[in-house]
Amino acid sequence: MQGVVESYDPATRRGVVLAEPDRTPVALGPGSLAGSIFRSLSPGQRIIFEVAQEDGAPCAVRVRVGSDGY
């Protein structure tokens, strides 16, 4: 799935990404960047991610840029 980062707090490693095409907010949890090339995210940044359920709510996981699996 693709989306745009709405917010990200590097201190807590939590944030929100707006999933396309309908801009549905999806939470970014503390482990969302594990295994990716990102150390932090910036508002407006376009990312690719997968959605998993965490406590009954959608959560972005496996965040990457899309080129060569990163």
C-alpha atoms as a PDB file:
ATOM      1  CA  MET A   1       0.000   0.000   0.000  1.00  0.00           C
ATOM      2  CA  GLN A   2       1.176   3.560  -0.644  1.00  0.00           C
ATOM      3  CA  GLY A   3       0.690   6.617   1.497  1.00  0.00           C
ATOM      4  CA  VAL A   4       1.997   9.972   2.676  1.00  0.00           C
ATOM      5  CA  VAL A   5       3.392  10.634   6.134  1.00  0.00           C
ATOM      6  CA  GLU A   6       1.122  13.030   8.008  1.00  0.00           C
ATOM      7  CA  SER A   7       3.167  13.118  11.218  1.00  0.00           C
ATOM      8  CA  TYR A   8       6.069  11.300  12.865  1.00  0.00           C
ATOM      9  CA  ASP A   9       7.692  11.786  16.284  1.00  0.00           C
ATOM     10  CA  PRO A  10      11.256  10.415  16.310  1.00  0.00           C
ATOM     11  CA  ALA A  11      11.326  10.437  20.129  1.00  0.00           C
ATOM     12  CA  THR A  12       8.389   8.020  20.472  1.00  0.00           C
ATOM     13  CA  ARG A  13       8.765   6.526  16.959  1.00  0.00           C
ATOM     14  CA  ARG A  14       5.013   6.894  16.437  1.00  0.00           C
ATOM     15  CA  GLY A  15       3.080   8.735  13.786  1.00  0.00           C
ATOM     16  CA  VAL A  16       0.325   8.651  11.198  1.00  0.00           C
ATOM     17  CA  VAL A  17       0.398   7.887   7.478  1.00  0.00           C
ATOM     18  CA  LEU A  18      -2.475   8.752   5.128  1.00  0.00           C
ATOM     19  CA  ALA A  19      -3.126   5.663   3.001  1.00  0.00           C
ATOM     20  CA  GLU A  20      -4.016   6.088  -0.655  1.00  0.00           C
ATOM     21  CA  PRO A  21      -6.330   6.397  -2.482  1.00  0.00           C
ATOM     22  CA  ASP A  22      -8.795   7.641   0.153  1.00  0.00           C
ATOM     23  CA  ARG A  23      -6.290   9.174   2.636  1.00  0.00           C
ATOM     24  CA  THR A  24      -7.390   6.890   5.476  1.00  0.00           C
ATOM     25  CA  PRO A  25      -5.206   7.514   8.575  1.00  0.00           C
ATOM     26  CA  VAL A  26      -3.100   4.515   9.583  1.00  0.00           C
ATOM     27  CA  ALA A  27      -0.943   4.484  12.729  1.00  0.00           C
ATOM     28  CA  LEU A  28       2.813   4.104  12.552  1.00  0.00           C
ATOM     29  CA  GLY A  29       3.936   2.143  15.590  1.00  0.00           C
ATOM     30  CA  PRO A  30       7.384   2.021  17.217  1.00  0.00           C
ATOM     31  CA  GLY A  31       8.451  -1.020  15.155  1.00  0.00           C
ATOM     32  CA  SER A  32       7.222   0.281  11.795  1.00  0.00           C
ATOM     33  CA  LEU A  33      10.690   1.252  10.560  1.00  0.00           C
ATOM     34  CA  ALA A  34      12.405  -1.986  11.632  1.00  0.00           C
ATOM     35  CA  GLY A  35      14.366  -3.429   8.737  1.00  0.00           C
ATOM     36  CA  SER A  36      13.906  -0.355   6.537  1.00  0.00           C
ATOM     37  CA  ILE A  37      16.443   2.215   5.346  1.00  0.00           C
ATOM     38  CA  PHE A  38      14.620   4.947   7.312  1.00  0.00           C
ATOM     39  CA  ARG A  39      15.781   6.269  10.669  1.00  0.00           C
ATOM     40  CA  SER A  40      13.031   8.893  10.707  1.00  0.00           C
ATOM     41  CA  LEU A  41      10.147  10.105   8.529  1.00  0.00           C
ATOM     42  CA  SER A  42       9.126  13.604   7.466  1.00  0.00           C
ATOM     43  CA  PRO A  43       5.603  14.968   6.921  1.00  0.00           C
ATOM     44  CA  GLY A  44       4.727  14.778   3.228  1.00  0.00           C
ATOM     45  CA  GLN A  45       7.133  11.908   2.565  1.00  0.00           C
ATOM     46  CA  ARG A  46       5.690   9.198   0.274  1.00  0.00           C
ATOM     47  CA  ILE A  47       6.182   5.633   1.526  1.00  0.00           C
ATOM     48  CA  ILE A  48       5.106   2.071   0.787  1.00  0.00           C
ATOM     49  CA  PHE A  49       3.968  -0.107   3.663  1.00  0.00           C
ATOM     50  CA  GLU A  50       1.924  -3.108   4.649  1.00  0.00           C
ATOM     51  CA  VAL A  51      -1.058  -2.993   6.985  1.00  0.00           C
ATOM     52  CA  ALA A  52      -1.410  -5.267  10.011  1.00  0.00           C
ATOM     53  CA  GLN A  53      -3.980  -5.290  12.796  1.00  0.00           C
ATOM     54  CA  GLU A  54      -2.759  -4.144  16.204  1.00  0.00           C
ATOM     55  CA  ASP A  55      -5.292  -4.146  19.044  1.00  0.00           C
ATOM     56  CA  GLY A  56      -8.086  -4.247  16.450  1.00  0.00           C
ATOM     57  CA  ALA A  57      -6.871  -1.175  14.567  1.00  0.00           C
ATOM     58  CA  PRO A  58      -4.859  -0.935  11.331  1.00  0.00           C
ATOM     59  CA  CYS A  59      -1.145  -0.265  11.770  1.00  0.00           C
ATOM     60  CA  ALA A  60       1.536   0.394   9.136  1.00  0.00           C
ATOM     61  CA  VAL A  61       4.388  -2.142   9.136  1.00  0.00           C
ATOM     62  CA  ARG A  62       7.367  -2.924   6.864  1.00  0.00           C
ATOM     63  CA  VAL A  63       7.792   0.690   5.734  1.00  0.00           C
ATOM     64  CA  ARG A  64       9.926   1.077   2.610  1.00  0.00           C
ATOM     65  CA  VAL A  65      10.508   3.347  -0.389  1.00  0.00           C
ATOM     66  CA  GLY A  66       9.639   0.774  -3.021  1.00  0.00           C
ATOM     67  CA  SER A  67      12.856   0.613  -5.017  1.00  0.00           C
ATOM     68  CA  ASP A  68      14.656  -2.709  -4.732  1.00  0.00           C
ATOM     69  CA  GLY A  69      12.568  -3.678  -1.705  1.00  0.00           C
ATOM     70  CA  TYR A  70      13.895  -0.910   0.503  1.00  0.00           C
END
